[in-house]
Amino acid sequence: MNRKILVIEDETQISSILKDYLQQSGFEVFTLDTGAGAVETIRKMVPDAVILDLMLPDTDGLEICRQVRKFSNVPILIATAKVEEIDRLIGLELGADDYICKPFSPREVVARVKAVLRRLSPETAEDVLTAGPVTIQPSKYQVNVNGNDLTLTRSEFELLYIMAKNPGRVFSRTDLIANVHGYEFEGYERTIDSHVKNLRKKLAGAVDGKELIQTVYGVGYKFDM
């Protein structure tokens, strides 16, 4: 069965082009030209990935992202003409997995969708990983810390997994971008800081304040058991 992609985009021309390119790559594509009902559509349809326009005429794309993250970890790729870094960071803090600035190449969008979905493939699943108080099941995208299940976004999961798999190793932001996104993310290293900030918040309550992910100033981050 082809993987389902939901495109939420009010500009008909962009939506049509994305649909054509995604279908040519073997995806089953559904489109919405308004934000009204988008959250309920995602809940019922359960798409494999969502391409979400940030500036919809009737609904804030960030609010859609916020609502979806209350019940689903579906990969969300935000597409927008807003290029300011603060806008990007807000989107990532709300759980978006990628950020695509308009104008963009439809081939690039397809490549990014494939990169996100490739990380979910069961063919890459490995055995259960235990690192200190953290237990990770890659095939199920499940994380348990001191007996507590954590709900992580895909990017947060990938960050934790790559660092917990290599405790003590210092990863530069560039290293982490390559591991999390599967491609070079155009100098956008602050995205990693945003993901790490969110991940630390989620870990903190389960480890009594112990800092499992430590900052190595001027270099990057490492996982410390």
N, C-alpha and C. Protein backbone atom coordinates (compact mmCIF):
# COMPACT_ATOMS: atom_id res chain seq x y z
N MET A 1 0.84 -1.20 0.00
CA MET A 1 0.00 0.00 0.00
C MET A 1 0.88 1.24 0.00
N ASN A 2 0.55 2.21 -0.88
CA ASN A 2 1.32 3.45 -0.94
C ASN A 2 1.16 4.26 0.33
N ARG A 3 2.20 4.95 0.70
CA ARG A 3 2.13 5.80 1.89
C ARG A 3 1.32 7.05 1.59
N LYS A 4 0.55 7.47 2.58
CA LYS A 4 -0.37 8.59 2.41
C LYS A 4 0.27 9.89 2.88
N ILE A 5 0.22 10.90 2.02
CA ILE A 5 0.74 12.22 2.36
C ILE A 5 -0.42 13.21 2.31
N LEU A 6 -0.59 13.99 3.36
CA LEU A 6 -1.62 15.03 3.39
C LEU A 6 -0.95 16.39 3.20
N VAL A 7 -1.36 17.10 2.15
CA VAL A 7 -0.83 18.44 1.87
C VAL A 7 -1.89 19.46 2.26
N ILE A 8 -1.57 20.33 3.22
CA ILE A 8 -2.49 21.39 3.65
C ILE A 8 -1.92 22.71 3.16
N GLU A 9 -2.46 23.21 2.07
CA GLU A 9 -1.89 24.37 1.37
C GLU A 9 -3.01 25.11 0.66
N ASP A 10 -3.12 26.43 0.91
CA ASP A 10 -4.22 27.20 0.31
C ASP A 10 -3.90 27.70 -1.10
N GLU A 11 -2.61 27.69 -1.49
CA GLU A 11 -2.25 28.12 -2.84
C GLU A 11 -2.39 26.93 -3.78
N THR A 12 -3.42 26.99 -4.63
CA THR A 12 -3.78 25.85 -5.49
C THR A 12 -2.63 25.40 -6.38
N GLN A 13 -1.88 26.34 -6.92
CA GLN A 13 -0.80 25.98 -7.83
C GLN A 13 0.29 25.18 -7.10
N ILE A 14 0.66 25.64 -5.91
CA ILE A 14 1.68 24.93 -5.13
C ILE A 14 1.17 23.55 -4.74
N SER A 15 -0.06 23.49 -4.27
CA SER A 15 -0.64 22.22 -3.86
C SER A 15 -0.67 21.23 -5.02
N SER A 16 -1.04 21.71 -6.20
CA SER A 16 -1.13 20.85 -7.38
C SER A 16 0.23 20.33 -7.81
N ILE A 17 1.23 21.20 -7.76
CA ILE A 17 2.59 20.79 -8.15
C ILE A 17 3.13 19.75 -7.17
N LEU A 18 2.94 20.00 -5.87
CA LEU A 18 3.41 19.04 -4.87
C LEU A 18 2.71 17.70 -5.04
N LYS A 19 1.41 17.75 -5.30
CA LYS A 19 0.66 16.51 -5.49
C LYS A 19 1.21 15.71 -6.66
N ASP A 20 1.48 16.39 -7.78
CA ASP A 20 2.00 15.72 -8.97
C ASP A 20 3.35 15.06 -8.69
N TYR A 21 4.25 15.81 -8.07
CA TYR A 21 5.59 15.27 -7.81
C TYR A 21 5.56 14.12 -6.81
N LEU A 22 4.73 14.25 -5.77
CA LEU A 22 4.63 13.18 -4.77
C LEU A 22 4.00 11.92 -5.38
N GLN A 23 2.99 12.10 -6.23
CA GLN A 23 2.36 10.95 -6.88
C GLN A 23 3.34 10.25 -7.82
N GLN A 24 4.16 11.04 -8.51
CA GLN A 24 5.17 10.46 -9.40
C GLN A 24 6.18 9.63 -8.61
N SER A 25 6.34 9.95 -7.34
CA SER A 25 7.27 9.20 -6.48
C SER A 25 6.58 8.04 -5.77
N GLY A 26 5.32 7.80 -6.11
CA GLY A 26 4.64 6.63 -5.58
C GLY A 26 3.80 6.85 -4.34
N PHE A 27 3.60 8.11 -3.94
CA PHE A 27 2.80 8.39 -2.76
C PHE A 27 1.32 8.56 -3.13
N GLU A 28 0.46 8.26 -2.18
CA GLU A 28 -0.96 8.55 -2.30
C GLU A 28 -1.16 9.91 -1.64
N VAL A 29 -1.66 10.89 -2.38
CA VAL A 29 -1.67 12.27 -1.90
C VAL A 29 -3.10 12.78 -1.73
N PHE A 30 -3.33 13.43 -0.59
CA PHE A 30 -4.60 14.08 -0.30
C PHE A 30 -4.32 15.55 -0.02
N THR A 31 -5.22 16.43 -0.40
CA THR A 31 -4.98 17.86 -0.22
C THR A 31 -6.14 18.54 0.50
N LEU A 32 -5.81 19.57 1.27
CA LEU A 32 -6.78 20.47 1.88
C LEU A 32 -6.33 21.88 1.56
N ASP A 33 -7.26 22.76 1.21
CA ASP A 33 -6.89 24.15 0.92
C ASP A 33 -7.30 25.09 2.04
N THR A 34 -7.64 24.53 3.18
CA THR A 34 -8.02 25.32 4.34
C THR A 34 -7.63 24.59 5.61
N GLY A 35 -7.46 25.33 6.68
CA GLY A 35 -7.09 24.71 7.94
C GLY A 35 -8.27 24.17 8.71
N ALA A 36 -9.47 24.61 8.35
CA ALA A 36 -10.67 24.16 9.04
C ALA A 36 -10.85 22.66 8.84
N GLY A 37 -10.92 21.95 9.93
CA GLY A 37 -11.10 20.50 9.85
C GLY A 37 -9.83 19.72 9.63
N ALA A 38 -8.69 20.42 9.54
CA ALA A 38 -7.42 19.73 9.26
C ALA A 38 -7.05 18.76 10.38
N VAL A 39 -7.22 19.21 11.62
CA VAL A 39 -6.85 18.37 12.76
C VAL A 39 -7.68 17.08 12.78
N GLU A 40 -8.98 17.23 12.56
CA GLU A 40 -9.86 16.06 12.57
C GLU A 40 -9.56 15.15 11.38
N THR A 41 -9.19 15.74 10.24
CA THR A 41 -8.83 14.93 9.08
C THR A 41 -7.60 14.08 9.38
N ILE A 42 -6.61 14.67 10.03
CA ILE A 42 -5.40 13.94 10.39
C ILE A 42 -5.73 12.83 11.39
N ARG A 43 -6.60 13.13 12.33
CA ARG A 43 -6.98 12.13 13.33
C ARG A 43 -7.65 10.92 12.68
N LYS A 44 -8.53 11.16 11.72
CA LYS A 44 -9.27 10.07 11.08
C LYS A 44 -8.48 9.37 9.99
N MET A 45 -7.72 10.14 9.21
CA MET A 45 -7.02 9.60 8.07
C MET A 45 -5.73 8.87 8.45
N VAL A 46 -5.07 9.36 9.50
CA VAL A 46 -3.77 8.83 9.94
C VAL A 46 -2.78 8.79 8.77
N PRO A 47 -2.39 9.94 8.25
CA PRO A 47 -1.43 9.97 7.14
C PRO A 47 -0.04 9.57 7.61
N ASP A 48 0.81 9.23 6.67
CA ASP A 48 2.19 8.88 7.00
C ASP A 48 3.05 10.12 7.19
N ALA A 49 2.63 11.25 6.59
CA ALA A 49 3.33 12.52 6.76
C ALA A 49 2.39 13.65 6.35
N VAL A 50 2.63 14.83 6.91
CA VAL A 50 1.82 16.01 6.62
C VAL A 50 2.73 17.14 6.17
N ILE A 51 2.39 17.77 5.04
CA ILE A 51 3.05 19.00 4.61
C ILE A 51 2.08 20.12 4.94
N LEU A 52 2.48 21.00 5.84
CA LEU A 52 1.56 21.98 6.41
C LEU A 52 2.01 23.41 6.11
N ASP A 53 1.16 24.16 5.41
CA ASP A 53 1.43 25.57 5.18
C ASP A 53 1.24 26.33 6.49
N LEU A 54 2.19 27.19 6.80
CA LEU A 54 2.13 27.90 8.07
C LEU A 54 1.10 29.03 8.06
N MET A 55 0.92 29.66 6.91
CA MET A 55 0.07 30.85 6.84
C MET A 55 -1.20 30.55 6.05
N LEU A 56 -2.10 29.82 6.65
CA LEU A 56 -3.38 29.52 6.04
C LEU A 56 -4.33 30.69 6.28
N PRO A 57 -5.30 30.93 5.39
CA PRO A 57 -6.16 32.10 5.52
C PRO A 57 -7.10 32.07 6.71
N ASP A 58 -7.44 30.86 7.18
CA ASP A 58 -8.44 30.78 8.24
C ASP A 58 -7.91 30.24 9.56
N THR A 59 -6.75 29.61 9.53
CA THR A 59 -6.22 28.96 10.72
C THR A 59 -4.71 29.10 10.76
N ASP A 60 -4.17 29.30 11.95
CA ASP A 60 -2.72 29.37 12.12
C ASP A 60 -2.14 27.96 12.02
N GLY A 61 -1.19 27.78 11.10
CA GLY A 61 -0.57 26.48 10.93
C GLY A 61 0.09 25.97 12.20
N LEU A 62 0.66 26.89 12.98
CA LEU A 62 1.29 26.49 14.23
C LEU A 62 0.27 25.91 15.21
N GLU A 63 -0.93 26.47 15.20
CA GLU A 63 -1.98 25.95 16.07
C GLU A 63 -2.39 24.54 15.64
N ILE A 64 -2.44 24.32 14.34
CA ILE A 64 -2.74 22.97 13.85
C ILE A 64 -1.67 22.00 14.33
N CYS A 65 -0.42 22.41 14.20
CA CYS A 65 0.70 21.57 14.66
C CYS A 65 0.57 21.27 16.14
N ARG A 66 0.25 22.30 16.93
CA ARG A 66 0.11 22.15 18.38
C ARG A 66 -0.99 21.14 18.72
N GLN A 67 -2.12 21.24 18.04
CA GLN A 67 -3.25 20.36 18.31
C GLN A 67 -2.94 18.91 17.90
N VAL A 68 -2.30 18.75 16.76
CA VAL A 68 -1.97 17.40 16.28
C VAL A 68 -1.01 16.71 17.22
N ARG A 69 -0.06 17.46 17.77
CA ARG A 69 0.93 16.86 18.65
C ARG A 69 0.32 16.36 19.97
N LYS A 70 -0.91 16.72 20.25
CA LYS A 70 -1.57 16.23 21.46
C LYS A 70 -1.98 14.77 21.32
N PHE A 71 -2.08 14.28 20.07
CA PHE A 71 -2.54 12.89 19.89
C PHE A 71 -1.74 12.10 18.86
N SER A 72 -0.79 12.74 18.17
CA SER A 72 -0.09 12.02 17.11
C SER A 72 1.34 12.50 16.94
N ASN A 73 2.24 11.56 16.57
CA ASN A 73 3.62 11.89 16.24
C ASN A 73 3.87 11.84 14.74
N VAL A 74 2.78 11.95 13.95
CA VAL A 74 2.95 11.94 12.50
C VAL A 74 3.98 13.00 12.08
N PRO A 75 4.90 12.65 11.20
CA PRO A 75 5.87 13.65 10.74
C PRO A 75 5.18 14.85 10.10
N ILE A 76 5.55 16.05 10.55
CA ILE A 76 4.99 17.29 10.02
C ILE A 76 6.11 18.12 9.41
N LEU A 77 5.94 18.45 8.13
CA LEU A 77 6.90 19.31 7.44
C LEU A 77 6.20 20.64 7.19
N ILE A 78 6.67 21.68 7.82
CA ILE A 78 6.06 23.00 7.67
C ILE A 78 6.61 23.70 6.44
N ALA A 79 5.71 24.21 5.61
CA ALA A 79 6.10 24.97 4.42
C ALA A 79 5.58 26.39 4.56
N THR A 80 6.45 27.37 4.37
CA THR A 80 6.03 28.75 4.59
C THR A 80 6.96 29.75 3.92
N ALA A 81 6.43 30.95 3.70
CA ALA A 81 7.25 32.04 3.17
C ALA A 81 7.89 32.83 4.30
N LYS A 82 7.53 32.53 5.57
CA LYS A 82 8.12 33.22 6.71
C LYS A 82 9.48 32.60 7.00
N VAL A 83 10.53 33.37 6.82
CA VAL A 83 11.88 32.81 6.89
C VAL A 83 12.63 33.22 8.16
N GLU A 84 12.01 34.07 8.98
CA GLU A 84 12.71 34.52 10.18
C GLU A 84 13.00 33.34 11.10
N GLU A 85 14.20 33.36 11.70
CA GLU A 85 14.62 32.24 12.54
C GLU A 85 13.65 31.99 13.68
N ILE A 86 13.11 33.04 14.28
CA ILE A 86 12.21 32.86 15.42
C ILE A 86 10.98 32.05 15.01
N ASP A 87 10.50 32.26 13.78
CA ASP A 87 9.35 31.51 13.30
C ASP A 87 9.70 30.04 13.14
N ARG A 88 10.89 29.79 12.66
CA ARG A 88 11.34 28.40 12.51
C ARG A 88 11.42 27.71 13.87
N LEU A 89 12.01 28.39 14.81
CA LEU A 89 12.20 27.80 16.13
C LEU A 89 10.87 27.52 16.82
N ILE A 90 9.91 28.44 16.67
CA ILE A 90 8.60 28.22 17.26
C ILE A 90 7.97 26.97 16.66
N GLY A 91 8.06 26.81 15.35
CA GLY A 91 7.51 25.64 14.71
C GLY A 91 8.15 24.36 15.21
N LEU A 92 9.45 24.37 15.38
CA LEU A 92 10.16 23.18 15.86
C LEU A 92 9.82 22.88 17.31
N GLU A 93 9.67 23.91 18.12
CA GLU A 93 9.34 23.70 19.52
C GLU A 93 7.95 23.09 19.67
N LEU A 94 7.09 23.33 18.69
CA LEU A 94 5.74 22.76 18.73
C LEU A 94 5.71 21.34 18.17
N GLY A 95 6.85 20.85 17.73
CA GLY A 95 6.92 19.46 17.31
C GLY A 95 7.01 19.21 15.82
N ALA A 96 7.24 20.26 15.01
CA ALA A 96 7.42 20.04 13.57
C ALA A 96 8.73 19.28 13.35
N ASP A 97 8.76 18.44 12.32
CA ASP A 97 9.94 17.63 12.04
C ASP A 97 10.87 18.27 11.02
N ASP A 98 10.34 19.17 10.22
CA ASP A 98 11.17 19.82 9.21
C ASP A 98 10.53 21.15 8.86
N TYR A 99 11.30 22.01 8.20
CA TYR A 99 10.86 23.36 7.90
C TYR A 99 11.34 23.72 6.51
N ILE A 100 10.40 23.97 5.59
CA ILE A 100 10.75 24.23 4.20
C ILE A 100 10.32 25.64 3.83
N CYS A 101 11.26 26.48 3.43
CA CYS A 101 10.95 27.88 3.12
C CYS A 101 10.60 28.07 1.64
N LYS A 102 9.50 28.78 1.40
CA LYS A 102 9.10 29.13 0.04
C LYS A 102 9.94 30.30 -0.47
N PRO A 103 10.25 30.34 -1.76
CA PRO A 103 9.92 29.31 -2.76
C PRO A 103 10.85 28.11 -2.63
N PHE A 104 10.34 26.93 -2.89
CA PHE A 104 11.14 25.73 -2.77
C PHE A 104 11.01 24.88 -4.02
N SER A 105 11.96 23.99 -4.20
CA SER A 105 11.90 23.04 -5.31
C SER A 105 11.01 21.88 -4.90
N PRO A 106 10.02 21.50 -5.71
CA PRO A 106 9.19 20.35 -5.36
C PRO A 106 10.00 19.08 -5.21
N ARG A 107 11.10 18.98 -5.96
CA ARG A 107 11.97 17.79 -5.82
C ARG A 107 12.60 17.76 -4.43
N GLU A 108 12.94 18.95 -3.91
CA GLU A 108 13.51 19.00 -2.56
C GLU A 108 12.47 18.57 -1.54
N VAL A 109 11.23 18.99 -1.71
CA VAL A 109 10.17 18.59 -0.77
C VAL A 109 10.00 17.08 -0.79
N VAL A 110 9.98 16.49 -1.98
CA VAL A 110 9.85 15.03 -2.09
C VAL A 110 11.03 14.35 -1.39
N ALA A 111 12.23 14.88 -1.58
CA ALA A 111 13.42 14.30 -0.95
C ALA A 111 13.32 14.36 0.56
N ARG A 112 12.79 15.46 1.08
CA ARG A 112 12.67 15.60 2.53
C ARG A 112 11.59 14.68 3.09
N VAL A 113 10.50 14.53 2.36
CA VAL A 113 9.46 13.60 2.79
C VAL A 113 10.04 12.18 2.84
N LYS A 114 10.77 11.80 1.82
CA LYS A 114 11.38 10.48 1.79
C LYS A 114 12.38 10.29 2.93
N ALA A 115 13.13 11.35 3.24
CA ALA A 115 14.11 11.26 4.33
C ALA A 115 13.42 11.03 5.66
N VAL A 116 12.30 11.72 5.89
CA VAL A 116 11.55 11.54 7.13
C VAL A 116 11.00 10.11 7.22
N LEU A 117 10.40 9.64 6.14
CA LEU A 117 9.79 8.31 6.15
C LEU A 117 10.82 7.20 6.19
N ARG A 118 12.00 7.45 5.62
CA ARG A 118 13.06 6.45 5.64
C ARG A 118 13.47 6.12 7.07
N ARG A 119 13.41 7.13 7.93
CA ARG A 119 13.79 6.91 9.33
C ARG A 119 12.78 6.04 10.06
N LEU A 120 11.59 5.89 9.48
CA LEU A 120 10.55 5.10 10.13
C LEU A 120 10.49 3.68 9.62
N SER A 121 11.31 3.36 8.63
CA SER A 121 11.25 2.05 7.99
C SER A 121 11.62 0.94 8.96
N PRO A 122 10.81 -0.13 9.06
CA PRO A 122 11.15 -1.25 9.94
C PRO A 122 12.41 -1.97 9.52
N GLU A 123 12.84 -1.74 8.27
CA GLU A 123 14.06 -2.38 7.80
C GLU A 123 15.28 -1.87 8.56
N THR A 124 15.18 -0.70 9.18
CA THR A 124 16.31 -0.15 9.91
C THR A 124 16.18 -0.37 11.41
N ALA A 125 15.14 -1.10 11.81
CA ALA A 125 14.91 -1.31 13.24
C ALA A 125 16.04 -2.14 13.84
N GLU A 126 16.44 -1.81 15.06
CA GLU A 126 17.47 -2.54 15.76
C GLU A 126 16.91 -3.04 17.08
N ASP A 127 17.69 -3.85 17.77
CA ASP A 127 17.25 -4.39 19.05
C ASP A 127 17.09 -3.27 20.08
N VAL A 128 16.48 -3.64 21.21
CA VAL A 128 16.26 -2.67 22.29
C VAL A 128 17.60 -2.13 22.76
N LEU A 129 17.66 -0.81 22.93
CA LEU A 129 18.87 -0.15 23.41
C LEU A 129 18.64 0.32 24.84
N THR A 130 19.56 -0.03 25.73
CA THR A 130 19.50 0.44 27.11
C THR A 130 20.74 1.27 27.40
N ALA A 131 20.52 2.49 27.86
CA ALA A 131 21.63 3.39 28.20
C ALA A 131 21.29 4.07 29.52
N GLY A 132 21.87 3.58 30.62
CA GLY A 132 21.54 4.13 31.93
C GLY A 132 20.06 3.90 32.21
N PRO A 133 19.33 4.94 32.58
CA PRO A 133 17.90 4.80 32.89
C PRO A 133 17.00 4.79 31.67
N VAL A 134 17.61 4.90 30.47
CA VAL A 134 16.84 5.04 29.24
C VAL A 134 16.78 3.71 28.48
N THR A 135 15.56 3.30 28.11
CA THR A 135 15.37 2.12 27.27
C THR A 135 14.65 2.56 26.00
N ILE A 136 15.22 2.20 24.85
CA ILE A 136 14.69 2.64 23.56
C ILE A 136 14.39 1.42 22.70
N GLN A 137 13.18 1.40 22.12
CA GLN A 137 12.78 0.37 21.16
C GLN A 137 12.61 1.02 19.79
N PRO A 138 13.63 0.97 18.95
CA PRO A 138 13.60 1.67 17.67
C PRO A 138 12.44 1.23 16.77
N SER A 139 12.13 -0.07 16.73
CA SER A 139 11.10 -0.56 15.82
C SER A 139 9.72 -0.02 16.18
N LYS A 140 9.53 0.36 17.46
CA LYS A 140 8.23 0.86 17.90
C LYS A 140 8.27 2.37 18.20
N TYR A 141 9.44 2.96 18.07
CA TYR A 141 9.62 4.37 18.42
C TYR A 141 9.13 4.64 19.84
N GLN A 142 9.55 3.78 20.75
CA GLN A 142 9.15 3.92 22.15
C GLN A 142 10.37 4.20 23.02
N VAL A 143 10.18 5.09 24.00
CA VAL A 143 11.24 5.44 24.94
C VAL A 143 10.68 5.34 26.35
N ASN A 144 11.42 4.66 27.21
CA ASN A 144 11.04 4.53 28.61
C ASN A 144 12.21 4.97 29.47
N VAL A 145 11.93 5.86 30.44
CA VAL A 145 12.98 6.36 31.32
C VAL A 145 12.55 6.11 32.76
N ASN A 146 13.32 5.28 33.47
CA ASN A 146 13.00 4.94 34.87
C ASN A 146 11.55 4.47 35.03
N GLY A 147 11.09 3.68 34.06
CA GLY A 147 9.73 3.15 34.14
C GLY A 147 8.65 4.06 33.59
N ASN A 148 9.02 5.24 33.13
CA ASN A 148 8.05 6.19 32.59
C ASN A 148 8.16 6.26 31.07
N ASP A 149 7.04 6.05 30.37
CA ASP A 149 7.03 6.19 28.92
C ASP A 149 7.04 7.66 28.54
N LEU A 150 7.89 8.02 27.59
CA LEU A 150 7.96 9.40 27.12
C LEU A 150 7.36 9.51 25.72
N THR A 151 6.66 10.60 25.48
CA THR A 151 6.13 10.88 24.15
C THR A 151 7.06 11.88 23.48
N LEU A 152 7.76 11.43 22.44
CA LEU A 152 8.73 12.27 21.74
C LEU A 152 8.32 12.45 20.30
N THR A 153 8.71 13.58 19.71
CA THR A 153 8.54 13.75 18.28
C THR A 153 9.59 12.88 17.59
N ARG A 154 9.43 12.70 16.28
CA ARG A 154 10.38 11.88 15.54
C ARG A 154 11.80 12.43 15.67
N SER A 155 11.93 13.74 15.55
CA SER A 155 13.26 14.34 15.61
C SER A 155 13.87 14.18 17.00
N GLU A 156 13.06 14.36 18.04
CA GLU A 156 13.56 14.18 19.41
C GLU A 156 13.99 12.74 19.62
N PHE A 157 13.20 11.80 19.10
CA PHE A 157 13.55 10.39 19.24
C PHE A 157 14.88 10.10 18.56
N GLU A 158 15.04 10.58 17.33
CA GLU A 158 16.28 10.33 16.60
C GLU A 158 17.49 10.94 17.30
N LEU A 159 17.31 12.13 17.85
CA LEU A 159 18.40 12.77 18.60
C LEU A 159 18.81 11.93 19.80
N LEU A 160 17.81 11.54 20.59
CA LEU A 160 18.10 10.74 21.78
C LEU A 160 18.75 9.42 21.41
N TYR A 161 18.21 8.79 20.37
CA TYR A 161 18.71 7.47 19.98
C TYR A 161 20.17 7.51 19.55
N ILE A 162 20.51 8.46 18.69
CA ILE A 162 21.89 8.50 18.19
C ILE A 162 22.88 8.83 19.30
N MET A 163 22.48 9.69 20.25
CA MET A 163 23.40 10.02 21.34
C MET A 163 23.47 8.92 22.38
N ALA A 164 22.32 8.30 22.72
CA ALA A 164 22.31 7.23 23.72
C ALA A 164 23.05 5.99 23.20
N LYS A 165 23.07 5.83 21.88
CA LYS A 165 23.78 4.70 21.27
C LYS A 165 25.29 4.89 21.35
N ASN A 166 25.70 6.15 21.57
CA ASN A 166 27.13 6.47 21.64
C ASN A 166 27.41 7.33 22.88
N PRO A 167 27.16 6.78 24.09
CA PRO A 167 27.34 7.58 25.31
C PRO A 167 28.76 8.10 25.46
N GLY A 168 28.85 9.37 25.82
CA GLY A 168 30.15 9.99 26.02
C GLY A 168 30.71 10.63 24.77
N ARG A 169 30.23 10.22 23.61
CA ARG A 169 30.73 10.81 22.36
C ARG A 169 30.11 12.20 22.18
N VAL A 170 30.94 13.16 21.79
CA VAL A 170 30.46 14.52 21.56
C VAL A 170 30.07 14.66 20.09
N PHE A 171 28.81 15.05 19.87
CA PHE A 171 28.30 15.26 18.52
C PHE A 171 28.21 16.76 18.24
N SER A 172 28.76 17.18 17.12
CA SER A 172 28.57 18.57 16.72
C SER A 172 27.14 18.73 16.22
N ARG A 173 26.68 19.96 16.12
CA ARG A 173 25.33 20.19 15.61
C ARG A 173 25.20 19.68 14.18
N THR A 174 26.26 19.84 13.39
CA THR A 174 26.24 19.36 12.01
C THR A 174 26.07 17.85 11.97
N ASP A 175 26.77 17.14 12.85
CA ASP A 175 26.63 15.68 12.94
C ASP A 175 25.19 15.30 13.24
N LEU A 176 24.60 15.99 14.21
CA LEU A 176 23.24 15.66 14.63
C LEU A 176 22.23 15.98 13.54
N ILE A 177 22.42 17.10 12.83
CA ILE A 177 21.53 17.44 11.73
C ILE A 177 21.55 16.34 10.68
N ALA A 178 22.73 15.85 10.34
CA ALA A 178 22.86 14.80 9.33
C ALA A 178 22.16 13.52 9.78
N ASN A 179 22.28 13.19 11.08
CA ASN A 179 21.66 11.97 11.59
C ASN A 179 20.15 12.10 11.72
N VAL A 180 19.67 13.27 12.13
CA VAL A 180 18.24 13.45 12.37
C VAL A 180 17.48 13.68 11.07
N HIS A 181 18.02 14.52 10.18
CA HIS A 181 17.28 14.88 8.97
C HIS A 181 17.70 14.09 7.74
N GLY A 182 18.87 13.47 7.79
CA GLY A 182 19.29 12.65 6.67
C GLY A 182 19.87 13.44 5.51
N TYR A 183 20.09 14.73 5.70
CA TYR A 183 20.68 15.57 4.67
C TYR A 183 21.17 16.84 5.33
N GLU A 184 21.95 17.61 4.59
CA GLU A 184 22.46 18.87 5.13
C GLU A 184 21.33 19.89 5.20
N PHE A 185 21.17 20.52 6.35
CA PHE A 185 20.00 21.37 6.61
C PHE A 185 20.34 22.85 6.47
N GLU A 186 21.12 23.17 5.43
CA GLU A 186 21.40 24.54 5.01
C GLU A 186 21.77 25.51 6.12
N GLY A 187 22.77 25.14 6.90
CA GLY A 187 23.29 26.05 7.91
C GLY A 187 22.35 26.31 9.06
N TYR A 188 21.30 25.56 9.16
CA TYR A 188 20.27 25.85 10.15
C TYR A 188 20.53 25.04 11.42
N GLU A 189 21.63 25.35 12.10
CA GLU A 189 22.05 24.57 13.26
C GLU A 189 21.22 24.84 14.50
N ARG A 190 20.54 25.98 14.55
CA ARG A 190 19.74 26.27 15.73
C ARG A 190 18.57 25.31 15.89
N THR A 191 18.21 24.62 14.80
CA THR A 191 17.14 23.64 14.91
C THR A 191 17.48 22.56 15.93
N ILE A 192 18.75 22.16 16.00
CA ILE A 192 19.16 21.14 16.95
C ILE A 192 19.02 21.65 18.37
N ASP A 193 19.40 22.91 18.60
CA ASP A 193 19.26 23.49 19.94
C ASP A 193 17.81 23.44 20.40
N SER A 194 16.90 23.72 19.49
CA SER A 194 15.48 23.71 19.83
C SER A 194 15.01 22.31 20.19
N HIS A 195 15.40 21.32 19.38
CA HIS A 195 15.02 19.94 19.67
C HIS A 195 15.61 19.47 21.00
N VAL A 196 16.88 19.80 21.25
CA VAL A 196 17.53 19.38 22.49
C VAL A 196 16.84 20.02 23.70
N LYS A 197 16.47 21.28 23.57
CA LYS A 197 15.75 21.96 24.65
C LYS A 197 14.46 21.23 24.99
N ASN A 198 13.69 20.86 23.99
CA ASN A 198 12.44 20.14 24.22
C ASN A 198 12.69 18.76 24.81
N LEU A 199 13.72 18.08 24.29
CA LEU A 199 14.05 16.74 24.77
C LEU A 199 14.47 16.77 26.23
N ARG A 200 15.28 17.75 26.60
CA ARG A 200 15.71 17.87 27.99
C ARG A 200 14.52 18.06 28.94
N LYS A 201 13.55 18.87 28.53
CA LYS A 201 12.37 19.09 29.36
C LYS A 201 11.64 17.79 29.62
N LYS A 202 11.52 16.98 28.58
CA LYS A 202 10.79 15.72 28.71
C LYS A 202 11.55 14.69 29.55
N LEU A 203 12.88 14.72 29.45
CA LEU A 203 13.69 13.79 30.24
C LEU A 203 13.78 14.19 31.71
N ALA A 204 13.76 15.50 31.98
CA ALA A 204 14.01 16.01 33.33
C ALA A 204 13.07 15.43 34.37
N GLY A 205 11.79 15.31 34.05
CA GLY A 205 10.83 14.83 35.03
C GLY A 205 11.01 13.37 35.38
N ALA A 206 11.69 12.62 34.50
CA ALA A 206 11.84 11.18 34.73
C ALA A 206 13.18 10.81 35.36
N VAL A 207 14.09 11.76 35.46
CA VAL A 207 15.42 11.43 35.98
C VAL A 207 15.81 12.31 37.15
N ASP A 208 14.81 12.90 37.80
CA ASP A 208 15.06 13.71 39.01
C ASP A 208 16.10 14.80 38.79
N GLY A 209 16.02 15.47 37.67
CA GLY A 209 16.89 16.62 37.43
C GLY A 209 18.25 16.30 36.87
N LYS A 210 18.61 15.01 36.76
CA LYS A 210 19.92 14.65 36.20
C LYS A 210 19.97 15.06 34.73
N GLU A 211 21.04 15.67 34.33
CA GLU A 211 21.19 16.16 32.95
C GLU A 211 21.79 15.05 32.10
N LEU A 212 20.94 14.30 31.42
CA LEU A 212 21.42 13.20 30.59
C LEU A 212 22.10 13.70 29.31
N ILE A 213 21.59 14.80 28.79
CA ILE A 213 22.20 15.39 27.58
C ILE A 213 22.95 16.65 28.00
N GLN A 214 24.25 16.60 27.85
CA GLN A 214 25.09 17.69 28.31
C GLN A 214 25.63 18.51 27.13
N THR A 215 25.76 19.80 27.37
CA THR A 215 26.32 20.70 26.37
C THR A 215 27.83 20.75 26.50
N VAL A 216 28.52 20.56 25.40
CA VAL A 216 29.97 20.75 25.36
C VAL A 216 30.17 22.07 24.61
N TYR A 217 30.41 23.13 25.35
CA TYR A 217 30.39 24.47 24.79
C TYR A 217 31.38 24.63 23.64
N GLY A 218 30.88 25.20 22.56
CA GLY A 218 31.69 25.43 21.39
C GLY A 218 31.80 24.22 20.49
N VAL A 219 31.24 23.08 20.92
CA VAL A 219 31.35 21.86 20.13
C VAL A 219 29.97 21.28 19.78
N GLY A 220 29.21 20.92 20.83
CA GLY A 220 27.91 20.30 20.56
C GLY A 220 27.32 19.67 21.81
N TYR A 221 26.85 18.44 21.69
CA TYR A 221 26.17 17.76 22.80
C TYR A 221 26.65 16.31 22.95
N LYS A 222 26.46 15.77 24.17
CA LYS A 222 26.75 14.37 24.39
C LYS A 222 25.76 13.78 25.39
N PHE A 223 25.60 12.46 25.35
CA PHE A 223 24.74 11.75 26.28
C PHE A 223 25.60 11.21 27.40
N ASP A 224 25.24 11.51 28.64
CA ASP A 224 26.02 11.10 29.82
C ASP A 224 25.12 10.32 30.76
N MET A 225 25.45 9.05 30.97
CA MET A 225 24.64 8.20 31.88
C MET A 225 24.94 8.49 33.33
